[in-house]
């Protein structure tokens, strides 16, 4: 088994040298046979990446779907949704199996997982790289005219995304064809072994595949981001144009940050991949630590992208806050206060008011109100209806303060009229 844990050139095959220009190598995730740290540390880091990436991408997808319900989905939002879906596929169907492969000294995950593991990883990452190139083009379109939203129908968006996934799935098919499980010295391993009749095909594949899924998409993406940023700098000076300029600039910087992060974190995996497929005749294979670190960085992209969206986009931050409030409100609504608690709370309120020294005001009783009594002349209602002169006010004040005798009243008809009017009202 020590022989298997060494360099990839240590595989013993019947055809060698000139007949075997592409040596077999491990597939489906490197298996550190004798490294105790690798069996524990690398799977633990992959599990952490998987959990963090799941939470972040689910938040991004929830926010995008909530915005899509309000109106027509935009092309940029749909492409960001495609990136998050590709990340979820990687985290759900690739990272757990890679973590399991690192924790074992032999391949125990079956033939189908071995055959599809590398193909599935490169399909998802290829779909993301092509999506990055398309989103850069959409960002340039938005920066050219920010006032015009790039809204599209669902059929048009599907017409864009379906070819992206078809291209991403078809290109790495040679890895599927020539990856299998074999028993070497009594141990089952997952390797990529190229037969003699496929030498020319795989030699062309390992040369052109990195350019098709890494170099060309990212070169196009950087070109369109550069044009989009230059377009943002040439906007007008009107208030509406300045707002659109700021918004398009922020969008361009956010998507450019995602692209730069993706390219930097994916680059070590391509160095390891080319190192394995193009070894020198007597040169060493990639070190175990470098291979493991390259794969950790590659999978960590799925956890970093949602963080970039939430930090650099105000729209995503507001959507995340709204999503969190809705979840919190549903949680609080699921646990309402019991009737006993509400009764105790209602009884505690008067005690708290009395403790603060605030006197309680008695509630008016029905007996205190006289519906047929005439309104007093000096009441606030009459003052609001008509201003009273000082002399007239003094006259009425004297009449109210002095005791009045009904027999000596000089104007008895006046009181009779007032009482009649008050009762009629």
Protein backbone atom coordinates (compact mmCIF):
# COMPACT_ATOMS: atom_id res chain seq x y z
CA UNK A 1 0.00 0.00 0.00
CA UNK A 2 2.93 2.36 0.55
CA UNK A 3 3.64 2.07 -3.14
CA UNK A 4 0.15 3.32 -3.99
CA UNK A 5 0.43 6.28 -1.66
CA UNK A 6 3.42 7.67 -3.45
CA UNK A 7 3.58 9.41 -6.78
CA UNK A 8 1.10 8.79 -9.55
CA UNK A 9 3.87 7.36 -11.77
CA UNK A 10 4.18 4.40 -9.41
CA UNK A 11 1.10 2.70 -10.94
CA UNK A 12 2.23 -0.49 -12.64
CA UNK A 13 0.74 -1.02 -16.09
CA UNK A 14 1.52 -3.43 -18.89
CA UNK A 15 1.96 -0.69 -21.48
CA UNK A 16 4.51 1.97 -20.57
CA UNK A 17 6.92 4.57 -21.95
CA UNK A 18 6.03 5.29 -25.60
CA UNK A 19 2.71 3.40 -25.51
CA UNK A 20 1.52 5.18 -22.36
CA UNK A 21 2.18 8.93 -22.75
CA UNK A 22 -0.56 9.82 -20.24
CA UNK A 23 0.07 7.94 -16.99
CA UNK A 24 -2.85 6.83 -14.78
CA UNK A 25 -3.59 8.84 -11.68
CA UNK A 26 -6.00 8.98 -8.79
CA UNK A 27 -9.50 10.27 -9.52
CA UNK A 28 -12.56 11.19 -7.49
CA UNK A 29 -10.52 12.99 -4.85
CA UNK A 30 -7.03 12.28 -3.67
CA UNK A 31 -6.69 9.57 -1.00
CA UNK A 32 -4.01 10.32 1.61
CA UNK A 33 -3.20 6.78 2.64
CA UNK A 34 -0.67 7.29 5.43
CA UNK A 35 -1.42 10.86 6.54
CA UNK A 36 -3.44 10.85 9.76
CA UNK A 37 -3.87 14.61 9.63
CA UNK A 38 -5.20 14.41 6.10
CA UNK A 39 -7.78 11.80 7.07
CA UNK A 40 -9.22 14.08 9.77
CA UNK A 41 -8.39 17.68 8.92
CA UNK A 42 -9.29 17.71 5.22
CA UNK A 43 -12.71 16.02 5.67
CA UNK A 44 -13.51 18.33 8.60
CA UNK A 45 -12.71 21.41 6.53
CA UNK A 46 -14.83 20.09 3.68
CA UNK A 47 -17.78 19.57 6.02
CA UNK A 48 -17.42 23.15 7.29
CA UNK A 49 -17.30 24.47 3.73
CA UNK A 50 -20.38 22.42 2.88
CA UNK A 51 -22.46 23.76 5.79
CA UNK A 52 -21.45 27.39 5.30
CA UNK A 53 -21.99 27.22 1.56
CA UNK A 54 -25.40 25.60 1.94
CA UNK A 55 -26.63 28.34 4.28
CA UNK A 56 -25.27 31.18 2.14
CA UNK A 57 -26.52 29.89 -1.20
CA UNK A 58 -29.97 29.08 0.17
CA UNK A 59 -30.24 32.69 1.40
CA UNK A 60 -29.20 34.03 -2.02
CA UNK A 61 -31.65 31.76 -3.84
CA UNK A 62 -34.47 32.72 -1.47
CA UNK A 63 -33.83 36.43 -2.00
CA UNK A 64 -33.70 36.06 -5.79
CA UNK A 65 -36.90 34.00 -5.92
CA UNK A 66 -38.67 36.57 -3.72
CA UNK A 67 -37.65 39.36 -6.10
CA UNK A 68 -38.74 37.29 -9.10
CA UNK A 69 -42.26 36.99 -7.68
CA UNK A 70 -42.63 40.78 -7.59
CA UNK A 71 -42.03 41.27 -11.31
CA UNK A 72 -40.26 40.00 -14.39
CA UNK A 73 -36.93 38.31 -13.63
CA UNK A 74 -33.87 40.15 -14.86
CA UNK A 75 -31.12 38.39 -16.77
CA UNK A 76 -28.44 39.29 -14.21
CA UNK A 77 -30.50 37.91 -11.31
CA UNK A 78 -31.18 34.72 -13.27
CA UNK A 79 -27.48 34.25 -13.96
CA UNK A 80 -26.62 34.81 -10.29
CA UNK A 81 -29.29 32.25 -9.43
CA UNK A 82 -27.61 29.82 -11.84
CA UNK A 83 -24.28 30.34 -10.06
CA UNK A 84 -25.87 29.59 -6.69
CA UNK A 85 -27.58 26.48 -8.04
CA UNK A 86 -24.28 25.18 -9.41
CA UNK A 87 -22.72 25.79 -5.99
CA UNK A 88 -25.53 23.87 -4.30
CA UNK A 89 -25.03 20.94 -6.67
CA UNK A 90 -21.34 20.85 -5.82
CA UNK A 91 -21.96 21.07 -2.09
CA UNK A 92 -24.67 18.40 -2.13
CA UNK A 93 -23.29 15.80 -4.57
CA UNK A 94 -19.51 16.31 -4.70
CA UNK A 95 -18.08 17.63 -1.42
CA UNK A 96 -19.48 14.88 0.86
CA UNK A 97 -18.04 12.14 -1.37
CA UNK A 98 -14.67 13.90 -1.56
CA UNK A 99 -14.61 14.14 2.23
CA UNK A 100 -15.41 10.44 2.49
CA UNK A 101 -12.68 9.59 -0.05
CA UNK A 102 -10.08 11.52 1.96
CA UNK A 103 -11.03 9.76 5.19
CA UNK A 104 -10.38 6.26 3.79
CA UNK A 105 -7.32 4.43 2.57
CA UNK A 106 -9.24 2.64 -0.19
CA UNK A 107 -12.17 3.45 -2.44
CA UNK A 108 -15.41 2.25 -0.84
CA UNK A 109 -17.91 4.54 -2.57
CA UNK A 110 -18.71 2.32 -5.54
CA UNK A 111 -18.05 2.27 -9.24
CA UNK A 112 -20.68 4.86 -10.22
CA UNK A 113 -19.41 7.53 -7.82
CA UNK A 114 -15.86 6.93 -9.00
CA UNK A 115 -16.82 7.22 -12.66
CA UNK A 116 -18.91 10.39 -12.29
CA UNK A 117 -17.08 12.29 -9.56
CA UNK A 118 -14.53 14.29 -11.58
CA UNK A 119 -16.95 14.69 -14.48
CA UNK A 120 -19.64 16.15 -12.21
CA UNK A 121 -17.25 18.58 -10.51
CA UNK A 122 -15.91 19.89 -13.80
CA UNK A 123 -19.43 20.14 -15.25
CA UNK A 124 -20.61 22.39 -12.41
CA UNK A 125 -17.46 24.51 -12.46
CA UNK A 126 -17.60 24.77 -16.25
CA UNK A 127 -21.22 25.93 -16.06
CA UNK A 128 -20.17 28.57 -13.55
CA UNK A 129 -17.30 29.84 -15.72
CA UNK A 130 -19.50 30.14 -18.82
CA UNK A 131 -22.17 31.86 -16.70
CA UNK A 132 -19.56 34.33 -15.50
CA UNK A 133 -18.79 35.28 -19.11
CA UNK A 134 -22.49 35.78 -19.88
CA UNK A 135 -23.13 37.80 -16.73
CA UNK A 136 -20.22 40.08 -17.67
CA UNK A 137 -21.89 40.71 -21.03
CA UNK A 138 -25.21 41.43 -19.27
CA UNK A 139 -23.43 43.79 -16.88
CA UNK A 140 -22.01 45.72 -19.83
CA UNK A 141 -25.51 45.96 -21.33
CA UNK A 142 -26.83 47.31 -18.05
CA UNK A 143 -23.99 49.81 -17.70
CA UNK A 144 -24.63 51.08 -21.23
CA UNK A 145 -28.23 51.97 -20.31
CA UNK A 146 -28.95 51.63 -16.58
CA UNK A 147 -32.38 53.23 -16.86
CA UNK A 148 -33.52 50.31 -19.01
CA UNK A 149 -33.79 47.17 -16.94
CA UNK A 150 -32.63 44.04 -18.73
CA UNK A 151 -35.83 42.09 -18.07
CA UNK A 152 -36.56 38.93 -20.00
CA UNK A 153 -39.20 36.28 -20.25
CA UNK A 154 -38.74 32.89 -18.64
CA UNK A 155 -38.45 31.23 -22.04
CA UNK A 156 -35.59 33.52 -23.03
CA UNK A 157 -33.74 32.88 -19.78
CA UNK A 158 -34.11 29.13 -20.23
CA UNK A 159 -32.85 29.49 -23.79
CA UNK A 160 -29.69 31.04 -22.35
CA UNK A 161 -29.14 28.68 -19.41
CA UNK A 162 -29.87 25.34 -21.09
CA UNK A 163 -27.03 25.65 -23.67
CA UNK A 164 -24.70 26.69 -20.86
CA UNK A 165 -25.32 23.45 -19.00
CA UNK A 166 -25.22 21.37 -22.18
CA UNK A 167 -21.77 22.71 -23.04
CA UNK A 168 -20.56 22.27 -19.47
CA UNK A 169 -21.80 18.66 -19.32
CA UNK A 170 -20.48 17.55 -22.73
CA UNK A 171 -16.94 18.96 -22.54
CA UNK A 172 -15.62 16.79 -19.63
CA UNK A 173 -17.15 13.55 -20.91
CA UNK A 174 -13.71 11.97 -21.63
CA UNK A 175 -13.09 11.99 -17.88
CA UNK A 176 -16.26 9.93 -17.43
CA UNK A 177 -15.28 7.42 -20.12
CA UNK A 178 -11.81 6.61 -18.80
CA UNK A 179 -12.31 6.75 -15.03
CA UNK A 180 -12.95 3.45 -13.26
CA UNK A 181 -12.16 1.40 -10.18
CA UNK A 182 -9.31 -1.10 -10.10
CA UNK A 183 -7.72 -3.39 -7.56
CA UNK A 184 -4.03 -2.81 -7.13
CA UNK A 185 -2.18 -4.98 -4.60
CA UNK A 186 -5.50 -6.05 -3.10
CA UNK A 187 -6.78 -2.52 -2.58
CA UNK A 188 -9.61 -0.91 -4.54
CA UNK A 189 -8.70 2.51 -5.92
CA UNK A 190 -10.40 5.00 -8.21
CA UNK A 191 -8.10 5.93 -11.09
CA UNK A 192 -8.16 7.49 -14.52
CA UNK A 193 -6.52 4.97 -16.85
CA UNK A 194 -6.25 5.85 -20.55
CA UNK A 195 -6.27 2.91 -22.98
CA UNK A 196 -3.96 2.88 -25.97
CA UNK A 197 -6.63 3.66 -28.58
CA UNK A 198 -7.58 6.87 -26.74
CA UNK A 199 -4.12 8.41 -26.45
CA UNK A 200 -4.64 10.96 -29.19
CA UNK A 201 -8.10 11.94 -27.98
CA UNK A 202 -6.99 12.47 -24.38
CA UNK A 203 -3.81 14.27 -25.46
CA UNK A 204 -5.96 16.82 -27.29
CA UNK A 205 -8.46 16.94 -24.42
CA UNK A 206 -5.94 17.76 -21.71
CA UNK A 207 -4.51 20.57 -23.87
CA UNK A 208 -7.72 22.30 -24.97
CA UNK A 209 -10.06 21.71 -22.07
CA UNK A 210 -8.41 24.27 -19.70
CA UNK A 211 -8.60 26.93 -22.43
CA UNK A 212 -12.27 26.21 -23.13
CA UNK A 213 -13.56 26.31 -19.55
CA UNK A 214 -11.03 28.56 -17.79
CA UNK A 215 -8.99 30.84 -20.02
CA UNK A 216 -11.52 31.87 -22.68
CA UNK A 217 -14.54 32.50 -20.36
CA UNK A 218 -12.51 34.55 -17.89
CA UNK A 219 -10.77 36.56 -20.61
CA UNK A 220 -14.18 37.44 -22.06
CA UNK A 221 -15.50 38.26 -18.60
CA UNK A 222 -12.64 40.62 -17.77
CA UNK A 223 -12.97 42.29 -21.17
CA UNK A 224 -16.68 43.02 -20.69
CA UNK A 225 -16.18 44.16 -17.09
CA UNK A 226 -13.50 46.57 -18.25
CA UNK A 227 -15.89 47.99 -20.88
CA UNK A 228 -18.71 48.17 -18.35
CA UNK A 229 -16.59 50.09 -15.84
CA UNK A 230 -15.41 52.46 -18.55
CA UNK A 231 -19.04 53.00 -19.55
CA UNK A 232 -19.91 53.87 -15.96
CA UNK A 233 -17.24 56.59 -15.94
CA UNK A 234 -18.68 58.27 -19.04
CA UNK A 235 -22.18 58.87 -17.71
CA UNK A 236 -23.80 62.33 -17.68
CA UNK A 237 -24.05 64.78 -14.80
CA UNK A 238 -27.84 64.82 -14.30
CA UNK A 239 -29.26 63.56 -11.01
CA UNK A 240 -30.95 60.51 -12.52
CA UNK A 241 -27.86 59.65 -14.53
CA UNK A 242 -25.68 59.95 -11.44
CA UNK A 243 -27.90 57.53 -9.53
CA UNK A 244 -27.84 55.04 -12.39
CA UNK A 245 -24.10 55.50 -12.68
CA UNK A 246 -23.55 54.71 -9.00
CA UNK A 247 -25.82 51.67 -9.17
CA UNK A 248 -24.23 50.25 -12.31
CA UNK A 249 -20.77 50.86 -10.90
CA UNK A 250 -21.61 48.97 -7.71
CA UNK A 251 -23.04 46.10 -9.73
CA UNK A 252 -19.94 45.97 -11.91
CA UNK A 253 -17.59 45.98 -8.92
CA UNK A 254 -19.57 43.25 -7.16
CA UNK A 255 -19.62 40.94 -10.18
CA UNK A 256 -15.98 41.69 -10.94
CA UNK A 257 -15.09 40.73 -7.36
CA UNK A 258 -16.92 37.43 -7.79
CA UNK A 259 -15.03 36.79 -11.03
CA UNK A 260 -11.60 37.63 -9.60
CA UNK A 261 -12.22 35.50 -6.52
CA UNK A 262 -13.42 32.60 -8.65
CA UNK A 263 -10.41 32.71 -10.97
CA UNK A 264 -7.84 33.01 -8.14
CA UNK A 265 -9.31 30.21 -6.03
CA UNK A 266 -9.76 27.90 -9.02
CA UNK A 267 -6.24 28.45 -10.40
CA UNK A 268 -4.38 26.07 -7.99
CA UNK A 269 -6.67 23.21 -8.98
CA UNK A 270 -5.81 23.77 -12.64
CA UNK A 271 -2.10 23.84 -11.81
CA UNK A 272 -2.50 20.50 -10.04
CA UNK A 273 -4.61 19.13 -12.92
CA UNK A 274 -2.05 20.10 -15.57
CA UNK A 275 0.78 18.86 -13.38
CA UNK A 276 -0.85 15.43 -13.18
CA UNK A 277 -1.72 15.18 -16.88
CA UNK A 278 1.60 16.58 -18.17
CA UNK A 279 4.30 15.09 -15.93
CA UNK A 280 7.97 15.09 -16.78
CA UNK A 281 9.54 11.77 -17.49
CA UNK A 282 11.42 11.67 -14.20
CA UNK A 283 9.72 14.55 -12.43
CA UNK A 284 7.70 14.32 -9.19
CA UNK A 285 3.95 14.32 -8.98
CA UNK A 286 2.08 17.11 -7.13
CA UNK A 287 2.60 16.94 -3.35
CA UNK A 288 -0.29 15.66 -1.29
CA UNK A 289 -0.61 18.91 0.66
CA UNK A 290 -0.76 20.99 -2.52
CA UNK A 291 -3.42 18.73 -4.07
CA UNK A 292 -5.56 18.82 -0.93
CA UNK A 293 -5.22 22.61 -0.56
CA UNK A 294 -6.14 23.13 -4.22
CA UNK A 295 -9.33 21.10 -3.83
CA UNK A 296 -10.26 22.91 -0.61
CA UNK A 297 -9.88 26.27 -2.33
CA UNK A 298 -11.91 25.05 -5.30
CA UNK A 299 -14.83 24.00 -3.10
CA UNK A 300 -14.54 27.08 -0.87
CA UNK A 301 -15.62 29.20 -3.85
CA UNK A 302 -19.16 27.98 -3.20
CA UNK A 303 -19.03 29.50 0.30
CA UNK A 304 -17.32 32.76 -0.65
CA UNK A 305 -19.65 33.83 -3.47
CA UNK A 306 -22.76 34.26 -1.26
CA UNK A 307 -20.68 36.26 1.20
CA UNK A 308 -19.60 38.64 -1.57
CA UNK A 309 -23.22 39.12 -2.65
CA UNK A 310 -24.41 39.86 0.87
CA UNK A 311 -21.54 42.22 1.72
CA UNK A 312 -21.23 44.24 -1.48
CA UNK A 313 -24.88 44.44 -2.61
CA UNK A 314 -27.34 46.64 -0.72
CA UNK A 315 -30.20 44.86 -2.46
CA UNK A 316 -29.07 41.49 -1.14
CA UNK A 317 -28.56 42.94 2.35
CA UNK A 318 -32.09 44.34 2.43
CA UNK A 319 -33.45 41.06 1.09
CA UNK A 320 -31.54 39.13 3.75
CA UNK A 321 -32.94 41.38 6.48
CA UNK A 322 -36.46 40.95 5.12
CA UNK A 323 -36.01 37.18 4.93
CA UNK A 324 -34.74 37.08 8.50
CA UNK A 325 -37.68 39.20 9.73
CA UNK A 326 -40.18 36.92 7.99
CA UNK A 327 -38.62 33.85 9.55
CA UNK A 328 -38.57 35.51 12.98
CA UNK A 329 -42.21 36.60 12.68
CA UNK A 330 -43.27 33.09 11.71
CA UNK A 331 -41.37 31.71 14.67
CA UNK A 332 -43.00 34.16 17.08
CA UNK A 333 -46.44 33.49 15.61
CA UNK A 334 -45.96 29.77 16.15
CA UNK A 335 -45.52 30.32 19.94
CA UNK A 336 -48.30 32.73 21.07
CA UNK A 337 -48.69 33.82 24.73
CA UNK A 338 -50.92 31.65 26.86
CA UNK A 339 -54.16 33.10 28.35
CA UNK A 340 -52.73 32.82 31.84
CA UNK A 341 -49.73 34.91 30.91
CA UNK A 342 -51.90 37.57 29.31
CA UNK A 343 -54.16 37.71 32.44
CA UNK A 344 -51.14 38.15 34.70
CA UNK A 345 -49.84 40.89 32.43
CA UNK A 346 -53.17 42.75 32.51
CA UNK A 347 -53.28 42.58 36.31
CA UNK A 348 -49.74 43.89 36.62
CA UNK A 349 -50.43 47.07 34.65
CA UNK A 350 -52.47 48.98 37.32
CA UNK A 351 -49.90 48.11 39.97
CA UNK A 352 -47.10 49.48 37.84
CA UNK A 353 -49.06 52.70 37.22
CA UNK A 354 -49.77 53.11 40.94
CA UNK A 355 -46.14 52.50 41.82
CA UNK A 356 -45.05 55.35 39.58
CA UNK A 357 -47.27 57.79 41.46
CA UNK A 358 -49.67 58.45 38.60
CA UNK A 359 -53.21 58.88 39.97
CA UNK A 360 -55.92 56.98 38.31
CA UNK A 361 -58.73 59.03 36.82
CA UNK A 362 -62.28 57.82 37.47
CA UNK A 363 -64.21 56.90 34.42
CA UNK A 364 -67.27 59.01 33.73
CA UNK A 365 -70.61 57.43 34.59
CA UNK A 366 -73.77 57.76 32.54
CA UNK A 367 -75.43 59.63 35.43
CA UNK A 368 -72.87 62.43 35.19
CA UNK A 369 -74.08 63.34 31.70
CA UNK A 370 -77.33 65.26 31.29
CA UNK A 371 -78.50 64.97 27.71
CA UNK A 372 -81.34 67.50 28.15
CA UNK A 373 -79.39 70.11 30.08
CA UNK A 374 -78.65 73.26 28.14
CA UNK A 375 -75.05 74.00 27.36
CA UNK A 376 -73.53 76.73 29.49
CA UNK A 377 -72.80 79.95 27.72
CA UNK A 378 -69.16 79.88 28.79
CA UNK A 379 -68.53 76.34 27.65
CA UNK A 380 -65.60 75.67 25.34
CA UNK A 381 -67.94 74.53 22.59
CA UNK A 382 -69.66 77.93 22.40
CA UNK A 383 -66.32 79.70 22.57
CA UNK A 384 -65.11 77.76 19.56
CA UNK A 385 -68.30 78.47 17.62
CA UNK A 386 -68.44 82.27 18.21
CA UNK A 387 -66.07 84.71 19.89
CA UNK A 388 -67.51 86.41 23.00
CA UNK A 389 -66.93 90.14 23.64
CA UNK A 390 -65.51 91.16 27.07
CA UNK A 391 -68.61 93.18 28.10
CA UNK A 392 -71.00 90.41 27.21
CA UNK A 393 -68.82 87.87 28.98
CA UNK A 394 -68.86 89.94 32.15
CA UNK A 395 -72.64 90.29 31.94
CA UNK A 396 -73.16 86.57 31.74
CA UNK A 397 -70.64 85.96 34.48
CA UNK A 398 -72.53 88.19 36.87
CA UNK A 399 -75.81 86.51 36.06
CA UNK A 400 -74.35 83.06 36.69
CA UNK A 401 -72.71 83.97 40.00
CA UNK A 402 -75.69 85.85 41.51
CA UNK A 403 -78.58 83.73 42.78
CA UNK A 404 -81.40 83.90 40.36
CA UNK A 405 -85.04 83.88 41.36
CA UNK A 406 -87.43 82.59 38.76
CA UNK A 407 -90.12 85.02 39.88
CA UNK A 408 -87.86 88.07 39.55
CA UNK A 409 -86.29 87.02 36.28
CA UNK A 410 -86.59 89.96 33.85
CA UNK A 411 -86.31 87.68 30.85
CA UNK A 412 -88.14 84.44 31.62
CA UNK A 413 -88.74 83.65 27.95
CA UNK A 414 -84.98 83.39 27.39
CA UNK A 415 -84.56 80.46 29.73
CA UNK A 416 -87.61 78.75 28.34
CA UNK A 417 -86.21 78.96 24.81
CA UNK A 418 -82.82 77.60 25.91
CA UNK A 419 -84.34 74.67 27.73
CA UNK A 420 -86.54 73.82 24.75
CA UNK A 421 -83.63 73.94 22.31
CA UNK A 422 -81.42 71.86 24.59
CA UNK A 423 -84.07 69.14 24.95
CA UNK A 424 -84.70 69.05 21.22
CA UNK A 425 -81.00 68.54 20.59
